[in-house]
C-alpha atoms as a PDB file:
ATOM      1  CA  MET A   1      35.906  16.074  -6.918  1.00  0.00           C
ATOM      2  CA  SER A   2      34.257  18.336  -4.372  1.00  0.00           C
ATOM      3  CA  ALA A   3      30.754  17.915  -2.984  1.00  0.00           C
ATOM      4  CA  PRO A   4      27.898  19.469  -4.960  1.00  0.00           C
ATOM      5  CA  GLY A   5      26.155  22.555  -3.620  1.00  0.00           C
ATOM      6  CA  GLY A   6      22.984  21.716  -1.741  1.00  0.00           C
ATOM      7  CA  LEU A   7      24.331  18.561  -0.092  1.00  0.00           C
ATOM      8  CA  LYS A   8      24.238  18.456   3.726  1.00  0.00           C
ATOM      9  CA  VAL A   9      25.429  15.470   5.746  1.00  0.00           C
ATOM     10  CA  PHE A  10      24.179  14.593   9.238  1.00  0.00           C
ATOM     11  CA  ARG A  11      26.511  12.049  10.829  1.00  0.00           C
ATOM     12  CA  GLY A  12      24.810   9.994  13.548  1.00  0.00           C
ATOM     13  CA  LEU A  13      21.432  11.699  13.110  1.00  0.00           C
ATOM     14  CA  MET A  14      19.806   8.526  14.434  1.00  0.00           C
ATOM     15  CA  THR A  15      21.578   6.519  17.111  1.00  0.00           C
ATOM     16  CA  GLY A  16      20.892   3.639  19.466  1.00  0.00           C
ATOM     17  CA  ASP A  17      17.260   3.028  20.342  1.00  0.00           C
ATOM     18  CA  GLU A  18      15.909   5.579  17.867  1.00  0.00           C
ATOM     19  CA  LEU A  19      17.752   3.936  14.950  1.00  0.00           C
ATOM     20  CA  ALA A  20      16.687   0.451  16.082  1.00  0.00           C
ATOM     21  CA  GLU A  21      13.050   1.617  16.374  1.00  0.00           C
ATOM     22  CA  LEU A  22      13.047   3.228  12.927  1.00  0.00           C
ATOM     23  CA  ARG A  23      14.659   0.159  11.356  1.00  0.00           C
ATOM     24  CA  GLU A  24      12.083  -2.143  13.035  1.00  0.00           C
ATOM     25  CA  ARG A  25       9.139   0.042  11.988  1.00  0.00           C
ATOM     26  CA  CYS A  26      10.274   0.027   8.343  1.00  0.00           C
ATOM     27  CA  ARG A  27      10.861  -3.719   8.379  1.00  0.00           C
ATOM     28  CA  SER A  28       7.523  -4.499  10.066  1.00  0.00           C
ATOM     29  CA  LEU A  29       5.401  -2.913   7.334  1.00  0.00           C
ATOM     30  CA  PRO A  30       3.096  -5.442   5.681  1.00  0.00           C
ATOM     31  CA  PRO A  31       4.379  -6.900   2.403  1.00  0.00           C
ATOM     32  CA  PRO A  32       4.475  -4.233  -0.302  1.00  0.00           C
ATOM     33  CA  PRO A  33       1.668  -4.296  -2.851  1.00  0.00           C
ATOM     34  CA  TYR A  34       4.119  -3.245  -5.574  1.00  0.00           C
ATOM     35  CA  ASN A  35       7.865  -3.084  -6.143  1.00  0.00           C
ATOM     36  CA  PRO A  36       9.648  -3.460  -2.765  1.00  0.00           C
ATOM     37  CA  LEU A  37      12.600  -1.301  -3.883  1.00  0.00           C
ATOM     38  CA  PHE A  38      10.593   1.901  -3.346  1.00  0.00           C
ATOM     39  CA  ARG A  39       7.516   2.234  -1.150  1.00  0.00           C
ATOM     40  CA  TYR A  40       5.699   5.576  -1.275  1.00  0.00           C
ATOM     41  CA  PHE A  41       3.562   7.083   1.508  1.00  0.00           C
ATOM     42  CA  GLY A  42       1.998  10.553   1.400  1.00  0.00           C
ATOM     43  CA  ASP A  43       1.581  13.353  -1.140  1.00  0.00           C
ATOM     44  CA  PHE A  44       3.078  12.470  -4.522  1.00  0.00           C
ATOM     45  CA  GLY A  45       0.458  14.263  -6.622  1.00  0.00           C
ATOM     46  CA  GLU A  46      -3.052  13.538  -7.781  1.00  0.00           C
ATOM     47  CA  ASN A  47      -1.995  11.210 -10.591  1.00  0.00           C
ATOM     48  CA  ALA A  48       0.450   9.203  -8.499  1.00  0.00           C
ATOM     49  CA  ARG A  49      -0.057   5.456  -8.359  1.00  0.00           C
ATOM     50  CA  ARG A  50       1.072   2.957  -5.770  1.00  0.00           C
ATOM     51  CA  ILE A  51       0.818   5.321  -2.819  1.00  0.00           C
ATOM     52  CA  GLU A  52       0.273   3.650   0.527  1.00  0.00           C
ATOM     53  CA  GLU A  53      -1.389   5.102   3.626  1.00  0.00           C
ATOM     54  CA  VAL A  54       0.940   7.206   5.801  1.00  0.00           C
ATOM     55  CA  ARG A  55       1.615   5.580   9.158  1.00  0.00           C
ATOM     56  CA  PRO A  56       1.472   7.729  12.347  1.00  0.00           C
ATOM     57  CA  TRP A  57       5.101   6.880  13.167  1.00  0.00           C
ATOM     58  CA  MET A  58       6.176   8.402   9.833  1.00  0.00           C
ATOM     59  CA  LEU A  59       4.548  11.685  10.789  1.00  0.00           C
ATOM     60  CA  ASP A  60       6.269  11.477  14.185  1.00  0.00           C
ATOM     61  CA  TYR A  61       9.696  11.149  12.571  1.00  0.00           C
ATOM     62  CA  GLY A  62       8.856  14.084  10.303  1.00  0.00           C
ATOM     63  CA  ARG A  63       8.053  16.206  13.377  1.00  0.00           C
ATOM     64  CA  ARG A  64      11.354  15.159  14.940  1.00  0.00           C
ATOM     65  CA  MET A  65      13.223  16.377  11.855  1.00  0.00           C
ATOM     66  CA  VAL A  66      11.459  19.756  12.091  1.00  0.00           C
ATOM     67  CA  GLU A  67      12.305  19.971  15.822  1.00  0.00           C
ATOM     68  CA  ARG A  68      15.965  19.202  15.034  1.00  0.00           C
ATOM     69  CA  GLY A  69      16.061  21.934  12.396  1.00  0.00           C
ATOM     70  CA  VAL A  70      16.573  19.586   9.447  1.00  0.00           C
ATOM     71  CA  PHE A  71      13.293  20.681   7.792  1.00  0.00           C
ATOM     72  CA  GLU A  72      11.462  23.975   8.065  1.00  0.00           C
ATOM     73  CA  LEU A  73       8.067  22.351   7.368  1.00  0.00           C
ATOM     74  CA  GLN A  74       6.529  18.993   8.281  1.00  0.00           C
ATOM     75  CA  PRO A  75       7.441  16.455   5.553  1.00  0.00           C
ATOM     76  CA  ASN A  76       4.459  15.171   3.573  1.00  0.00           C
ATOM     77  CA  GLN A  77       6.280  12.477   1.622  1.00  0.00           C
ATOM     78  CA  HIS A  78       7.770   9.334   3.128  1.00  0.00           C
ATOM     79  CA  ARG A  79       9.577   6.494   1.372  1.00  0.00           C
ATOM     80  CA  VAL A  80      10.970   3.215   2.568  1.00  0.00           C
ATOM     81  CA  THR A  81      13.692   1.821   0.325  1.00  0.00           C
ATOM     82  CA  ASN A  82      15.383  -1.537   0.329  1.00  0.00           C
ATOM     83  CA  TRP A  83      18.448  -1.445  -1.926  1.00  0.00           C
ATOM     84  CA  ARG A  84      19.121  -5.152  -2.418  1.00  0.00           C
ATOM     85  CA  GLY A  85      20.819  -6.980  -5.262  1.00  0.00           C
ATOM     86  CA  ASP A  86      22.669  -5.582  -8.252  1.00  0.00           C
ATOM     87  CA  LEU A  87      21.912  -1.880  -8.008  1.00  0.00           C
ATOM     88  CA  SER A  88      23.465  -1.044 -11.346  1.00  0.00           C
ATOM     89  CA  ALA A  89      20.641  -2.984 -13.015  1.00  0.00           C
ATOM     90  CA  GLN A  90      17.917  -1.308 -10.931  1.00  0.00           C
ATOM     91  CA  PHE A  91      19.004   2.237 -10.335  1.00  0.00           C
ATOM     92  CA  LYS A  92      20.727   4.422 -12.940  1.00  0.00           C
ATOM     93  CA  TRP A  93      22.392   7.821 -12.638  1.00  0.00           C
ATOM     94  CA  HIS A  94      19.616  10.414 -12.548  1.00  0.00           C
ATOM     95  CA  ILE A  95      18.572  13.979 -11.786  1.00  0.00           C
ATOM     96  CA  ASP A  96      15.570  14.047  -9.465  1.00  0.00           C
ATOM     97  CA  ASN A  97      11.941  14.336 -10.431  1.00  0.00           C
ATOM     98  CA  HIS A  98      10.130  17.459  -9.165  1.00  0.00           C
ATOM     99  CA  ARG A  99       7.262  15.413  -7.747  1.00  0.00           C
ATOM    100  CA  HIS A 100       9.621  14.348  -4.960  1.00  0.00           C
ATOM    101  CA  GLY A 101       9.815  17.688  -3.166  1.00  0.00           C
ATOM    102  CA  GLU A 102      12.381  20.469  -3.001  1.00  0.00           C
ATOM    103  CA  GLU A 103      14.533  18.835  -0.333  1.00  0.00           C
ATOM    104  CA  ILE A 104      15.001  15.162   0.366  1.00  0.00           C
ATOM    105  CA  LEU A 105      16.420  13.696   3.562  1.00  0.00           C
ATOM    106  CA  ALA A 106      17.576  10.087   3.346  1.00  0.00           C
ATOM    107  CA  ILE A 107      18.330   8.327   6.631  1.00  0.00           C
ATOM    108  CA  CYS A 108      20.634   5.335   6.225  1.00  0.00           C
ATOM    109  CA  LEU A 109      19.213   2.452   8.268  1.00  0.00           C
ATOM    110  CA  THR A 110      21.970  -0.017   7.437  1.00  0.00           C
ATOM    111  CA  GLY A 111      25.595   0.549   6.539  1.00  0.00           C
ATOM    112  CA  PRO A 112      27.953   0.891   4.917  1.00  0.00           C
ATOM    113  CA  ARG A 113      26.402   2.835   2.088  1.00  0.00           C
ATOM    114  CA  ALA A 114      27.763   5.011  -0.711  1.00  0.00           C
ATOM    115  CA  ILE A 115      26.039   7.714  -2.747  1.00  0.00           C
ATOM    116  CA  GLY A 116      27.744   8.971  -5.894  1.00  0.00           C
ATOM    117  CA  PHE A 117      27.322  12.466  -7.370  1.00  0.00           C
ATOM    118  CA  ARG A 118      28.626  13.570 -10.776  1.00  0.00           C
ATOM    119  CA  ASP A 119      28.376  16.558 -13.064  1.00  0.00           C
ATOM    120  CA  PRO A 120      26.569  15.287 -16.191  1.00  0.00           C
ATOM    121  CA  LYS A 121      28.799  17.564 -18.312  1.00  0.00           C
ATOM    122  CA  ARG A 122      31.933  15.922 -16.875  1.00  0.00           C
ATOM    123  CA  LYS A 123      31.013  12.230 -16.736  1.00  0.00           C
ATOM    124  CA  GLN A 124      34.585  11.198 -17.498  1.00  0.00           C
ATOM    125  CA  LEU A 125      35.713  12.416 -14.058  1.00  0.00           C
ATOM    126  CA  PRO A 126      35.353  10.186 -10.997  1.00  0.00           C
ATOM    127  CA  PRO A 127      32.187  10.966  -9.018  1.00  0.00           C
ATOM    128  CA  TYR A 128      32.090  12.555  -5.601  1.00  0.00           C
ATOM    129  CA  VAL A 129      31.344   9.657  -3.239  1.00  0.00           C
ATOM    130  CA  LEU A 130      29.539  10.138   0.062  1.00  0.00           C
ATOM    131  CA  ASN A 131      30.129   7.195   2.409  1.00  0.00           C
ATOM    132  CA  LEU A 132      27.520   6.607   5.097  1.00  0.00           C
ATOM    133  CA  GLU A 133      27.029   4.339   8.089  1.00  0.00           C
ATOM    134  CA  ALA A 134      23.790   3.300   9.783  1.00  0.00           C
ATOM    135  CA  GLY A 135      22.204   6.350  11.425  1.00  0.00           C
ATOM    136  CA  ASP A 136      23.835   8.870   9.070  1.00  0.00           C
ATOM    137  CA  ALA A 137      21.623  10.999   6.835  1.00  0.00           C
ATOM    138  CA  TYR A 138      22.042  13.339   3.922  1.00  0.00           C
ATOM    139  CA  LEU A 139      19.819  16.119   2.639  1.00  0.00           C
ATOM    140  CA  ILE A 140      19.917  17.095  -1.014  1.00  0.00           C
ATOM    141  CA  ALA A 141      18.496  20.303  -2.443  1.00  0.00           C
ATOM    142  CA  GLY A 142      19.410  22.837  -5.117  1.00  0.00           C
ATOM    143  CA  ALA A 143      22.285  21.861  -7.425  1.00  0.00           C
ATOM    144  CA  ALA A 144      22.697  18.430  -5.807  1.00  0.00           C
ATOM    145  CA  ARG A 145      19.119  17.597  -6.883  1.00  0.00           C
ATOM    146  CA  TRP A 146      18.649  19.492 -10.111  1.00  0.00           C
ATOM    147  CA  LYS A 147      22.112  19.790 -11.730  1.00  0.00           C
ATOM    148  CA  TRP A 148      24.138  16.800 -10.532  1.00  0.00           C
ATOM    149  CA  GLU A 149      23.345  13.194 -11.353  1.00  0.00           C
ATOM    150  CA  HIS A 150      23.377  10.858  -8.383  1.00  0.00           C
ATOM    151  CA  LYS A 151      22.766   7.243  -7.454  1.00  0.00           C
ATOM    152  CA  VAL A 152      23.186   4.699  -4.694  1.00  0.00           C
ATOM    153  CA  LEU A 153      26.425   2.857  -5.431  1.00  0.00           C
ATOM    154  CA  PRO A 154      26.794  -0.896  -4.920  1.00  0.00           C
ATOM    155  CA  VAL A 155      29.009  -1.565  -1.877  1.00  0.00           C
ATOM    156  CA  GLY A 156      30.100  -4.492   0.251  1.00  0.00           C
ATOM    157  CA  HIS A 157      30.154  -8.202  -0.386  1.00  0.00           C
ATOM    158  CA  SER A 158      26.492  -8.367  -1.430  1.00  0.00           C
ATOM    159  CA  ARG A 159      26.877  -5.255  -3.656  1.00  0.00           C
ATOM    160  CA  ASP A 160      23.737  -3.683  -2.222  1.00  0.00           C
ATOM    161  CA  GLY A 161      23.063  -0.280  -0.728  1.00  0.00           C
ATOM    162  CA  GLY A 162      21.096  -1.270   2.345  1.00  0.00           C
ATOM    163  CA  GLU A 163      17.848   0.182   3.626  1.00  0.00           C
ATOM    164  CA  SER A 164      16.770   3.789   4.107  1.00  0.00           C
ATOM    165  CA  PHE A 165      13.872   5.924   5.272  1.00  0.00           C
ATOM    166  CA  VAL A 166      13.378   9.013   3.098  1.00  0.00           C
ATOM    167  CA  LEU A 167      11.429  12.141   4.023  1.00  0.00           C
ATOM    168  CA  ALA A 168      10.575  15.092   1.791  1.00  0.00           C
ATOM    169  CA  TYR A 169       8.234  18.023   1.578  1.00  0.00           C
ATOM    170  CA  ARG A 170       6.387  18.522  -1.682  1.00  0.00           C
ATOM    171  CA  ARG A 171       5.092  22.038  -2.096  1.00  0.00           C
ATOM    172  CA  ARG A 172       1.807  22.199  -3.958  1.00  0.00           C
ATOM    173  CA  ALA A 173       1.313  24.719  -6.741  1.00  0.00           C
ATOM    174  CA  GLN A 174      -0.630  27.766  -5.606  1.00  0.00           C
ATOM    175  CA  ALA A 175      -4.125  28.136  -7.077  1.00  0.00           C
ATOM    176  CA  SER A 176      -4.417  31.183  -9.326  1.00  0.00           C
END
């Protein structure tokens, strides 16, 4: 199966010291007040619960992504994810929620990692699988977000998906 439209892959987006720094910053956050699988920082809407205070280093990495041409605007959503354990029990095939921005960039902090994409009208076909290593990133927008189901696939001996740092920009509705 071919890759869905709206999927961009950035091999080695983070390398060496920058990857080590980002991994350390994510791991050094204080214990999560809620579910450690997803930690949310930033603008997720007025009714959003469990949002933590954005850290200055998160804003810095957002600026770096704008400088590198990955994003046009400064991201205002940041997530730290820790995909541990049996992912099939925690994370089902899904089409994204609009509160999570128009484009999402996920930076793989640990590898290997696999993301599956499938056409919900053709579930009987094998999914398109994107394999990632630490420092790789992928951006999903358009059809990859709104028409294709996707999920982190269990990989490796521990059957987990590793850790990631996710950035997005959520556009607010214009006041009439």
